[in-house]
Amino acid sequence: MALTDNTRGALLMALAMASFTVNDAFTKSVTPYINTGQILFVRGLMTCALVYVIARHMGALRPIKTLLRPIIVLRCLCEVTASILYLNALALMGFANISAIMQSLPLAVTLGAALFLNEKVGWRRWTAILVGFLGVLIIIRPGPDGFTTAALLVVGSVFVTAGRDLLTRRMYTDIPSLTVTMTTSLVNTLIGAALIIPFGGWQPMDGYVWSHLFAAAVLVVIGYQAVILSMRSGDIAFVAPFRYTSMIWAFSIGYFVFGESLNSWILLGTAIIIASGLYTFYRESRRRQPPIAKTSTRIQ
């Protein structure tokens, strides 16, 4: 039985979220041993090698001028900036907490579409966005001194990642997803190398660190491919809600791997964010539906 475009997109999004979440777990496990720049460099180098082999096998390699298209370069810069912010937050904040806050990403995408792409957003979706970010505040619970560094880092990562997703929607359809993944990995590697010394210098790595970073690299490749293909396959209003499947993985990993407790605040905040996001997707799908023509019951 052939899958519909929406079903294929939803499955790919679920796969992407599982890949990224487990990748985050592997990455978080090495943050006590090496700095953010070194993580980006080593993981990026491995990712580049994997993507190059796959792209060459599939005939998806493109001339360098294709990789330097402005929209691809800008998307890559958003990706690497989000990675830097996120990795630093990952070292400072609980795994389940940071994953829950990242669920506000669809709301940030809607906000960005309204502000920068002139997409019409009604008062209902604006309300949903505000309520969703209230859920973020419930999870963060800023104290008398305001937001913590980790909270600012992860919220910044949300908005920069939203910019990446908006650019993905605007990319030319003739650009292979492997080309985008290859370029993103290359930029991550180069910027990671430049940040190693400013972030504390190169640290020796044992088998534990190497193996975890290799596993993370494999999952990053799968995640990059899946999320790009999912955004191109199905209707975004149908596909995007499947981002929330990542919380199944995040809560499980946070509890069983990192020994984190799930308090009532994080559960409440997550529920508010997800409910707001689902309502936003619902309103967006309603807005995109063609109007139903009215029929007359009068006998002519």
C-alpha atoms as a PDB file:
ATOM      1  CA  MET A   1       0.000   0.000   0.000  1.00  0.00           C
ATOM      2  CA  ALA A   2       1.478   3.312  -1.110  1.00  0.00           C
ATOM      3  CA  LEU A   3       1.896   5.995   1.522  1.00  0.00           C
ATOM      4  CA  THR A   4       0.309   9.388   0.995  1.00  0.00           C
ATOM      5  CA  ASP A   5       2.556  12.441   1.006  1.00  0.00           C
ATOM      6  CA  ASN A   6       1.226  13.484   4.415  1.00  0.00           C
ATOM      7  CA  THR A   7       1.760  10.034   5.941  1.00  0.00           C
ATOM      8  CA  ARG A   8       5.280   9.870   4.541  1.00  0.00           C
ATOM      9  CA  GLY A   9       6.003  13.356   5.861  1.00  0.00           C
ATOM     10  CA  ALA A  10       4.645  12.479   9.308  1.00  0.00           C
ATOM     11  CA  LEU A  11       6.723   9.297   9.562  1.00  0.00           C
ATOM     12  CA  LEU A  12       9.829  11.152   8.443  1.00  0.00           C
ATOM     13  CA  MET A  13       9.214  13.873  11.033  1.00  0.00           C
ATOM     14  CA  ALA A  14       8.793  11.270  13.777  1.00  0.00           C
ATOM     15  CA  LEU A  15      12.027   9.592  12.645  1.00  0.00           C
ATOM     16  CA  ALA A  16      13.818  12.951  12.630  1.00  0.00           C
ATOM     17  CA  MET A  17      12.669  13.756  16.159  1.00  0.00           C
ATOM     18  CA  ALA A  18      13.755  10.357  17.481  1.00  0.00           C
ATOM     19  CA  SER A  19      17.141  10.740  15.785  1.00  0.00           C
ATOM     20  CA  PHE A  20      17.747  14.262  17.064  1.00  0.00           C
ATOM     21  CA  THR A  21      16.638  13.441  20.613  1.00  0.00           C
ATOM     22  CA  VAL A  22      18.863  10.363  20.935  1.00  0.00           C
ATOM     23  CA  ASN A  23      21.686  12.365  19.304  1.00  0.00           C
ATOM     24  CA  ASP A  24      21.218  14.997  21.996  1.00  0.00           C
ATOM     25  CA  ALA A  25      21.533  12.310  24.662  1.00  0.00           C
ATOM     26  CA  PHE A  26      24.822  11.041  23.207  1.00  0.00           C
ATOM     27  CA  THR A  27      26.077  14.618  22.891  1.00  0.00           C
ATOM     28  CA  LYS A  28      25.075  15.610  26.428  1.00  0.00           C
ATOM     29  CA  SER A  29      26.953  12.600  27.773  1.00  0.00           C
ATOM     30  CA  VAL A  30      30.278  13.974  26.443  1.00  0.00           C
ATOM     31  CA  THR A  31      29.827  17.628  27.497  1.00  0.00           C
ATOM     32  CA  PRO A  32      31.704  17.076  30.795  1.00  0.00           C
ATOM     33  CA  TYR A  33      34.797  16.025  28.829  1.00  0.00           C
ATOM     34  CA  ILE A  34      35.078  18.320  25.784  1.00  0.00           C
ATOM     35  CA  ASN A  35      33.879  21.821  24.879  1.00  0.00           C
ATOM     36  CA  THR A  36      31.220  22.918  22.401  1.00  0.00           C
ATOM     37  CA  GLY A  37      33.700  23.793  19.656  1.00  0.00           C
ATOM     38  CA  GLN A  38      35.334  20.382  19.857  1.00  0.00           C
ATOM     39  CA  ILE A  39      31.943  18.649  19.774  1.00  0.00           C
ATOM     40  CA  LEU A  40      30.906  20.599  16.673  1.00  0.00           C
ATOM     41  CA  PHE A  41      34.235  19.917  14.962  1.00  0.00           C
ATOM     42  CA  VAL A  42      34.542  16.185  15.643  1.00  0.00           C
ATOM     43  CA  ARG A  43      30.875  15.368  15.153  1.00  0.00           C
ATOM     44  CA  GLY A  44      30.766  17.600  12.078  1.00  0.00           C
ATOM     45  CA  LEU A  45      33.846  15.942  10.575  1.00  0.00           C
ATOM     46  CA  MET A  46      32.285  12.519  11.011  1.00  0.00           C
ATOM     47  CA  THR A  47      28.990  13.757   9.601  1.00  0.00           C
ATOM     48  CA  CYS A  48      30.709  15.238   6.535  1.00  0.00           C
ATOM     49  CA  ALA A  49      32.439  11.930   5.823  1.00  0.00           C
ATOM     50  CA  LEU A  50      29.190   9.972   6.142  1.00  0.00           C
ATOM     51  CA  VAL A  51      27.197  12.381   3.991  1.00  0.00           C
ATOM     52  CA  TYR A  52      29.907  12.528   1.323  1.00  0.00           C
ATOM     53  CA  VAL A  53      29.921   8.744   0.942  1.00  0.00           C
ATOM     54  CA  ILE A  54      26.114   8.619   0.741  1.00  0.00           C
ATOM     55  CA  ALA A  55      25.858  11.601  -1.631  1.00  0.00           C
ATOM     56  CA  ARG A  56      28.521  10.208  -3.950  1.00  0.00           C
ATOM     57  CA  HIS A  57      26.817   6.810  -4.024  1.00  0.00           C
ATOM     58  CA  MET A  58      23.467   8.431  -4.850  1.00  0.00           C
ATOM     59  CA  GLY A  59      24.910  10.895  -7.359  1.00  0.00           C
ATOM     60  CA  ALA A  60      23.742  13.844  -5.268  1.00  0.00           C
ATOM     61  CA  LEU A  61      27.028  15.768  -5.240  1.00  0.00           C
ATOM     62  CA  ARG A  62      26.718  19.233  -6.747  1.00  0.00           C
ATOM     63  CA  PRO A  63      29.233  21.890  -7.878  1.00  0.00           C
ATOM     64  CA  ILE A  64      30.532  24.208  -5.171  1.00  0.00           C
ATOM     65  CA  LYS A  65      28.549  27.135  -6.611  1.00  0.00           C
ATOM     66  CA  THR A  66      25.348  25.235  -5.808  1.00  0.00           C
ATOM     67  CA  LEU A  67      26.412  24.948  -2.173  1.00  0.00           C
ATOM     68  CA  LEU A  68      27.073  28.681  -2.023  1.00  0.00           C
ATOM     69  CA  ARG A  69      23.562  29.790  -2.906  1.00  0.00           C
ATOM     70  CA  PRO A  70      22.627  32.552  -0.453  1.00  0.00           C
ATOM     71  CA  ILE A  71      19.606  30.727   0.954  1.00  0.00           C
ATOM     72  CA  ILE A  72      21.693  27.612   1.707  1.00  0.00           C
ATOM     73  CA  VAL A  73      24.482  29.641   3.314  1.00  0.00           C
ATOM     74  CA  LEU A  74      21.997  31.583   5.444  1.00  0.00           C
ATOM     75  CA  ARG A  75      20.275  28.367   6.499  1.00  0.00           C
ATOM     76  CA  CYS A  76      23.638  26.887   7.479  1.00  0.00           C
ATOM     77  CA  LEU A  77      24.502  29.937   9.570  1.00  0.00           C
ATOM     78  CA  CYS A  78      21.178  29.602  11.386  1.00  0.00           C
ATOM     79  CA  GLU A  79      21.868  25.907  11.933  1.00  0.00           C
ATOM     80  CA  VAL A  80      25.344  26.376  13.376  1.00  0.00           C
ATOM     81  CA  THR A  81      24.262  29.303  15.578  1.00  0.00           C
ATOM     82  CA  ALA A  82      21.386  27.242  16.938  1.00  0.00           C
ATOM     83  CA  SER A  83      23.776  24.326  17.544  1.00  0.00           C
ATOM     84  CA  ILE A  84      26.201  26.486  19.527  1.00  0.00           C
ATOM     85  CA  LEU A  85      23.421  27.895  21.702  1.00  0.00           C
ATOM     86  CA  TYR A  86      21.798  24.507  22.170  1.00  0.00           C
ATOM     87  CA  LEU A  87      24.962  22.581  23.020  1.00  0.00           C
ATOM     88  CA  ASN A  88      25.915  25.114  25.682  1.00  0.00           C
ATOM     89  CA  ALA A  89      22.407  24.928  27.139  1.00  0.00           C
ATOM     90  CA  LEU A  90      22.539  21.126  27.009  1.00  0.00           C
ATOM     91  CA  ALA A  91      25.556  21.154  29.302  1.00  0.00           C
ATOM     92  CA  LEU A  92      23.785  23.389  31.834  1.00  0.00           C
ATOM     93  CA  MET A  93      20.133  22.295  31.860  1.00  0.00           C
ATOM     94  CA  GLY A  94      18.216  19.085  32.472  1.00  0.00           C
ATOM     95  CA  PHE A  95      17.626  16.963  29.360  1.00  0.00           C
ATOM     96  CA  ALA A  96      13.835  16.786  29.687  1.00  0.00           C
ATOM     97  CA  ASN A  97      13.567  20.511  30.467  1.00  0.00           C
ATOM     98  CA  ILE A  98      15.513  21.655  27.439  1.00  0.00           C
ATOM     99  CA  SER A  99      13.616  19.243  25.186  1.00  0.00           C
ATOM    100  CA  ALA A 100      10.303  20.544  26.504  1.00  0.00           C
ATOM    101  CA  ILE A 101      11.250  24.165  25.826  1.00  0.00           C
ATOM    102  CA  MET A 102      12.278  23.239  22.288  1.00  0.00           C
ATOM    103  CA  GLN A 103       8.682  22.145  21.673  1.00  0.00           C
ATOM    104  CA  SER A 104       7.812  25.831  21.373  1.00  0.00           C
ATOM    105  CA  LEU A 105       9.622  25.806  18.020  1.00  0.00           C
ATOM    106  CA  PRO A 106       6.435  25.494  15.892  1.00  0.00           C
ATOM    107  CA  LEU A 107       5.019  28.541  17.684  1.00  0.00           C
ATOM    108  CA  ALA A 108       8.215  30.456  16.917  1.00  0.00           C
ATOM    109  CA  VAL A 109       7.935  29.383  13.259  1.00  0.00           C
ATOM    110  CA  THR A 110       4.387  30.756  13.102  1.00  0.00           C
ATOM    111  CA  LEU A 111       5.565  33.973  14.754  1.00  0.00           C
ATOM    112  CA  GLY A 112       8.425  34.286  12.266  1.00  0.00           C
ATOM    113  CA  ALA A 113       6.146  33.604   9.308  1.00  0.00           C
ATOM    114  CA  ALA A 114       3.870  36.420  10.450  1.00  0.00           C
ATOM    115  CA  LEU A 115       6.677  38.906  11.050  1.00  0.00           C
ATOM    116  CA  PHE A 116       8.990  38.156   8.125  1.00  0.00           C
ATOM    117  CA  LEU A 117       6.971  36.311   5.470  1.00  0.00           C
ATOM    118  CA  ASN A 118       3.832  38.451   5.744  1.00  0.00           C
ATOM    119  CA  GLU A 119       1.721  35.412   6.584  1.00  0.00           C
ATOM    120  CA  LYS A 120      -1.648  36.394   7.966  1.00  0.00           C
ATOM    121  CA  VAL A 121      -2.074  35.296  11.586  1.00  0.00           C
ATOM    122  CA  GLY A 122      -5.425  35.851  13.266  1.00  0.00           C
ATOM    123  CA  TRP A 123      -6.047  36.682  16.895  1.00  0.00           C
ATOM    124  CA  ARG A 124      -6.647  33.038  17.789  1.00  0.00           C
ATOM    125  CA  ARG A 125      -3.190  31.964  16.657  1.00  0.00           C
ATOM    126  CA  TRP A 126      -1.605  35.020  18.273  1.00  0.00           C
ATOM    127  CA  THR A 127      -3.303  33.980  21.529  1.00  0.00           C
ATOM    128  CA  ALA A 128      -2.036  30.418  21.099  1.00  0.00           C
ATOM    129  CA  ILE A 129       1.508  31.715  20.603  1.00  0.00           C
ATOM    130  CA  LEU A 130       1.328  33.815  23.772  1.00  0.00           C
ATOM    131  CA  VAL A 131      -0.134  30.939  25.792  1.00  0.00           C
ATOM    132  CA  GLY A 132       2.534  28.597  24.435  1.00  0.00           C
ATOM    133  CA  PHE A 133       5.352  30.869  25.524  1.00  0.00           C
ATOM    134  CA  LEU A 134       3.650  31.117  28.921  1.00  0.00           C
ATOM    135  CA  GLY A 135       4.219  27.367  29.062  1.00  0.00           C
ATOM    136  CA  VAL A 136       7.912  28.016  28.412  1.00  0.00           C
ATOM    137  CA  LEU A 137       7.998  30.425  31.356  1.00  0.00           C
ATOM    138  CA  ILE A 138       6.348  27.798  33.566  1.00  0.00           C
ATOM    139  CA  ILE A 139       9.134  25.346  32.730  1.00  0.00           C
ATOM    140  CA  ILE A 140      11.920  27.909  33.157  1.00  0.00           C
ATOM    141  CA  ARG A 141      10.391  29.592  36.237  1.00  0.00           C
ATOM    142  CA  PRO A 142      12.726  32.621  36.265  1.00  0.00           C
ATOM    143  CA  GLY A 143      13.801  33.650  39.755  1.00  0.00           C
ATOM    144  CA  PRO A 144      14.271  37.105  41.320  1.00  0.00           C
ATOM    145  CA  ASP A 145      17.435  37.607  39.259  1.00  0.00           C
ATOM    146  CA  GLY A 146      15.673  36.874  35.981  1.00  0.00           C
ATOM    147  CA  PHE A 147      16.471  34.193  33.443  1.00  0.00           C
ATOM    148  CA  THR A 148      19.404  31.853  33.876  1.00  0.00           C
ATOM    149  CA  THR A 149      22.095  31.621  31.213  1.00  0.00           C
ATOM    150  CA  ALA A 150      20.863  28.165  30.206  1.00  0.00           C
ATOM    151  CA  ALA A 151      17.308  29.451  29.759  1.00  0.00           C
ATOM    152  CA  LEU A 152      18.440  32.321  27.536  1.00  0.00           C
ATOM    153  CA  LEU A 153      20.574  29.943  25.468  1.00  0.00           C
ATOM    154  CA  VAL A 154      17.790  27.467  24.795  1.00  0.00           C
ATOM    155  CA  VAL A 155      15.195  30.166  24.015  1.00  0.00           C
ATOM    156  CA  GLY A 156      17.688  31.769  21.637  1.00  0.00           C
ATOM    157  CA  SER A 157      18.178  28.376  20.007  1.00  0.00           C
ATOM    158  CA  VAL A 158      14.409  28.068  19.515  1.00  0.00           C
ATOM    159  CA  PHE A 159      14.162  31.305  17.559  1.00  0.00           C
ATOM    160  CA  VAL A 160      17.277  30.714  15.455  1.00  0.00           C
ATOM    161  CA  THR A 161      16.056  27.204  14.613  1.00  0.00           C
ATOM    162  CA  ALA A 162      12.727  28.722  13.585  1.00  0.00           C
ATOM    163  CA  GLY A 163      14.645  30.881  11.127  1.00  0.00           C
ATOM    164  CA  ARG A 164      16.289  27.739   9.756  1.00  0.00           C
ATOM    165  CA  ASP A 165      12.905  26.075   9.232  1.00  0.00           C
ATOM    166  CA  LEU A 166      11.467  29.128   7.491  1.00  0.00           C
ATOM    167  CA  LEU A 167      14.441  29.147   5.126  1.00  0.00           C
ATOM    168  CA  THR A 168      13.950  25.425   4.472  1.00  0.00           C
ATOM    169  CA  ARG A 169      10.433  26.155   3.282  1.00  0.00           C
ATOM    170  CA  ARG A 170      11.813  28.759   0.852  1.00  0.00           C
ATOM    171  CA  MET A 171      14.593  26.636  -0.615  1.00  0.00           C
ATOM    172  CA  TYR A 172      14.606  25.702  -4.269  1.00  0.00           C
ATOM    173  CA  THR A 173      13.140  22.252  -4.892  1.00  0.00           C
ATOM    174  CA  ASP A 174      16.013  21.368  -7.246  1.00  0.00           C
ATOM    175  CA  ILE A 175      18.486  21.362  -4.346  1.00  0.00           C
ATOM    176  CA  PRO A 176      18.959  17.755  -3.114  1.00  0.00           C
ATOM    177  CA  SER A 177      18.461  17.326   0.613  1.00  0.00           C
ATOM    178  CA  LEU A 178      21.881  15.650   0.820  1.00  0.00           C
ATOM    179  CA  THR A 179      23.422  18.830  -0.595  1.00  0.00           C
ATOM    180  CA  VAL A 180      21.852  20.850   2.213  1.00  0.00           C
ATOM    181  CA  THR A 181      22.977  18.299   4.808  1.00  0.00           C
ATOM    182  CA  MET A 182      26.535  18.255   3.414  1.00  0.00           C
ATOM    183  CA  THR A 183      26.794  22.040   3.442  1.00  0.00           C
ATOM    184  CA  THR A 184      25.372  22.280   6.954  1.00  0.00           C
ATOM    185  CA  SER A 185      27.812  19.683   8.263  1.00  0.00           C
ATOM    186  CA  LEU A 186      30.754  21.418   6.581  1.00  0.00           C
ATOM    187  CA  VAL A 187      29.868  24.793   8.093  1.00  0.00           C
ATOM    188  CA  ASN A 188      29.419  23.191  11.531  1.00  0.00           C
ATOM    189  CA  THR A 189      32.850  21.583  11.214  1.00  0.00           C
ATOM    190  CA  LEU A 190      34.649  24.767  10.162  1.00  0.00           C
ATOM    191  CA  ILE A 191      33.045  26.971  12.803  1.00  0.00           C
ATOM    192  CA  GLY A 192      33.529  24.274  15.431  1.00  0.00           C
ATOM    193  CA  ALA A 193      37.253  24.176  14.626  1.00  0.00           C
ATOM    194  CA  ALA A 194      37.457  27.957  15.009  1.00  0.00           C
ATOM    195  CA  LEU A 195      35.788  27.773  18.433  1.00  0.00           C
ATOM    196  CA  ILE A 196      37.939  25.055  20.006  1.00  0.00           C
ATOM    197  CA  ILE A 197      40.608  27.419  21.372  1.00  0.00           C
ATOM    198  CA  PRO A 198      38.227  30.225  22.491  1.00  0.00           C
ATOM    199  CA  PHE A 199      36.115  27.628  24.318  1.00  0.00           C
ATOM    200  CA  GLY A 200      39.035  26.210  26.287  1.00  0.00           C
ATOM    201  CA  GLY A 201      41.273  24.319  23.872  1.00  0.00           C
ATOM    202  CA  TRP A 202      41.484  20.746  22.630  1.00  0.00           C
ATOM    203  CA  GLN A 203      40.839  18.027  25.208  1.00  0.00           C
ATOM    204  CA  PRO A 204      41.997  14.392  24.833  1.00  0.00           C
ATOM    205  CA  MET A 205      39.215  11.947  23.931  1.00  0.00           C
ATOM    206  CA  ASP A 206      38.964   8.284  24.900  1.00  0.00           C
ATOM    207  CA  GLY A 207      36.924   5.502  23.318  1.00  0.00           C
ATOM    208  CA  TYR A 208      33.819   6.540  25.248  1.00  0.00           C
ATOM    209  CA  VAL A 209      33.822  10.046  23.763  1.00  0.00           C
ATOM    210  CA  TRP A 210      34.731   8.904  20.233  1.00  0.00           C
ATOM    211  CA  SER A 211      32.012   6.248  20.139  1.00  0.00           C
ATOM    212  CA  HIS A 212      29.342   8.584  21.493  1.00  0.00           C
ATOM    213  CA  LEU A 213      30.227  11.295  18.987  1.00  0.00           C
ATOM    214  CA  PHE A 214      30.191   8.786  16.117  1.00  0.00           C
ATOM    215  CA  ALA A 215      26.739   7.574  17.157  1.00  0.00           C
ATOM    216  CA  ALA A 216      25.629  11.204  17.386  1.00  0.00           C
ATOM    217  CA  ALA A 217      27.002  11.895  13.890  1.00  0.00           C
ATOM    218  CA  VAL A 218      25.070   8.978  12.390  1.00  0.00           C
ATOM    219  CA  LEU A 219      21.875  10.173  14.069  1.00  0.00           C
ATOM    220  CA  VAL A 220      22.466  13.760  12.926  1.00  0.00           C
ATOM    221  CA  VAL A 221      22.689  12.569   9.308  1.00  0.00           C
ATOM    222  CA  ILE A 222      19.456  10.616   9.669  1.00  0.00           C
ATOM    223  CA  GLY A 223      17.759  13.541  11.405  1.00  0.00           C
ATOM    224  CA  TYR A 224      18.876  16.165   8.871  1.00  0.00           C
ATOM    225  CA  GLN A 225      17.707  14.040   5.962  1.00  0.00           C
ATOM    226  CA  ALA A 226      14.410  13.129   7.556  1.00  0.00           C
ATOM    227  CA  VAL A 227      13.421  16.657   8.608  1.00  0.00           C
ATOM    228  CA  ILE A 228      14.233  18.157   5.193  1.00  0.00           C
ATOM    229  CA  LEU A 229      12.354  15.414   3.356  1.00  0.00           C
ATOM    230  CA  SER A 230       9.404  15.674   5.743  1.00  0.00           C
ATOM    231  CA  MET A 231       9.043  19.426   5.183  1.00  0.00           C
ATOM    232  CA  ARG A 232       9.098  18.797   1.440  1.00  0.00           C
ATOM    233  CA  SER A 233       6.798  15.756   1.429  1.00  0.00           C
ATOM    234  CA  GLY A 234       3.603  16.638   3.245  1.00  0.00           C
ATOM    235  CA  ASP A 235       1.521  19.630   4.187  1.00  0.00           C
ATOM    236  CA  ILE A 236       3.305  21.472   6.972  1.00  0.00           C
ATOM    237  CA  ALA A 237       0.106  21.783   9.047  1.00  0.00           C
ATOM    238  CA  PHE A 238      -0.212  17.975   9.045  1.00  0.00           C
ATOM    239  CA  VAL A 239       3.463  17.083   9.373  1.00  0.00           C
ATOM    240  CA  ALA A 240       4.634  19.629  11.958  1.00  0.00           C
ATOM    241  CA  PRO A 241       2.627  18.287  14.960  1.00  0.00           C
ATOM    242  CA  PHE A 242       4.655  15.088  14.792  1.00  0.00           C
ATOM    243  CA  ARG A 243       7.556  17.085  16.223  1.00  0.00           C
ATOM    244  CA  TYR A 244       5.974  16.456  19.596  1.00  0.00           C
ATOM    245  CA  THR A 245       6.802  12.748  19.409  1.00  0.00           C
ATOM    246  CA  SER A 246      10.259  13.797  20.562  1.00  0.00           C
ATOM    247  CA  MET A 247       8.905  14.275  24.086  1.00  0.00           C
ATOM    248  CA  ILE A 248       8.279  10.537  24.396  1.00  0.00           C
ATOM    249  CA  TRP A 249      11.988  10.011  23.841  1.00  0.00           C
ATOM    250  CA  ALA A 250      13.074  13.032  25.888  1.00  0.00           C
ATOM    251  CA  PHE A 251      11.105  12.137  29.020  1.00  0.00           C
ATOM    252  CA  SER A 252      12.202   8.493  28.795  1.00  0.00           C
ATOM    253  CA  ILE A 253      15.884   9.356  28.305  1.00  0.00           C
ATOM    254  CA  GLY A 254      15.799  12.061  30.964  1.00  0.00           C
ATOM    255  CA  TYR A 255      14.339   9.646  33.516  1.00  0.00           C
ATOM    256  CA  PHE A 256      16.115   6.378  32.703  1.00  0.00           C
ATOM    257  CA  VAL A 257      19.496   7.638  31.444  1.00  0.00           C
ATOM    258  CA  PHE A 258      20.132  10.904  33.293  1.00  0.00           C
ATOM    259  CA  GLY A 259      18.059  10.176  36.406  1.00  0.00           C
ATOM    260  CA  GLU A 260      15.920  13.314  36.073  1.00  0.00           C
ATOM    261  CA  SER A 261      12.599  13.614  37.856  1.00  0.00           C
ATOM    262  CA  LEU A 262       9.544  14.925  36.008  1.00  0.00           C
ATOM    263  CA  ASN A 263       7.958  17.461  38.336  1.00  0.00           C
ATOM    264  CA  SER A 264       4.499  18.950  37.931  1.00  0.00           C
ATOM    265  CA  TRP A 265       5.875  22.237  36.531  1.00  0.00           C
ATOM    266  CA  ILE A 266       7.603  20.666  33.553  1.00  0.00           C
ATOM    267  CA  LEU A 267       4.591  18.450  32.828  1.00  0.00           C
ATOM    268  CA  LEU A 268       2.218  21.427  33.022  1.00  0.00           C
ATOM    269  CA  GLY A 269       4.440  23.649  30.889  1.00  0.00           C
ATOM    270  CA  THR A 270       4.935  20.925  28.296  1.00  0.00           C
ATOM    271  CA  ALA A 271       1.193  20.259  28.114  1.00  0.00           C
ATOM    272  CA  ILE A 272       0.480  23.973  27.560  1.00  0.00           C
ATOM    273  CA  ILE A 273       3.145  24.258  24.847  1.00  0.00           C
ATOM    274  CA  ILE A 274       1.931  21.168  22.992  1.00  0.00           C
ATOM    275  CA  ALA A 275      -1.741  22.158  23.266  1.00  0.00           C
ATOM    276  CA  SER A 276      -0.949  25.643  21.952  1.00  0.00           C
ATOM    277  CA  GLY A 277       1.095  24.205  19.115  1.00  0.00           C
ATOM    278  CA  LEU A 278      -1.603  21.733  18.108  1.00  0.00           C
ATOM    279  CA  TYR A 279      -4.223  24.482  18.144  1.00  0.00           C
ATOM    280  CA  THR A 280      -1.971  26.647  15.983  1.00  0.00           C
ATOM    281  CA  PHE A 281      -1.573  23.822  13.471  1.00  0.00           C
ATOM    282  CA  TYR A 282      -5.340  23.274  13.489  1.00  0.00           C
ATOM    283  CA  ARG A 283      -6.056  26.939  12.783  1.00  0.00           C
ATOM    284  CA  GLU A 284      -3.399  26.993  10.065  1.00  0.00           C
ATOM    285  CA  SER A 285      -4.911  23.964   8.346  1.00  0.00           C
ATOM    286  CA  ARG A 286      -8.373  25.558   8.532  1.00  0.00           C
ATOM    287  CA  ARG A 287      -7.017  28.753   7.008  1.00  0.00           C
ATOM    288  CA  ARG A 288      -5.470  26.874   4.099  1.00  0.00           C
ATOM    289  CA  GLN A 289      -8.603  24.920   3.238  1.00  0.00           C
ATOM    290  CA  PRO A 290     -10.444  26.272   0.181  1.00  0.00           C
ATOM    291  CA  PRO A 291     -13.824  27.786   1.002  1.00  0.00           C
ATOM    292  CA  ILE A 292     -16.807  25.507   0.401  1.00  0.00           C
ATOM    293  CA  ALA A 293     -19.134  26.952  -2.187  1.00  0.00           C
ATOM    294  CA  LYS A 294     -22.594  27.660  -0.888  1.00  0.00           C
ATOM    295  CA  THR A 295     -25.421  25.825  -2.653  1.00  0.00           C
ATOM    296  CA  SER A 296     -28.921  27.076  -3.034  1.00  0.00           C
ATOM    297  CA  THR A 297     -31.891  24.970  -1.977  1.00  0.00           C
ATOM    298  CA  ARG A 298     -34.268  27.113  -3.997  1.00  0.00           C
ATOM    299  CA  ILE A 299     -36.064  25.289  -6.826  1.00  0.00           C
ATOM    300  CA  GLN A 300     -35.524  27.124 -10.077  1.00  0.00           C
END
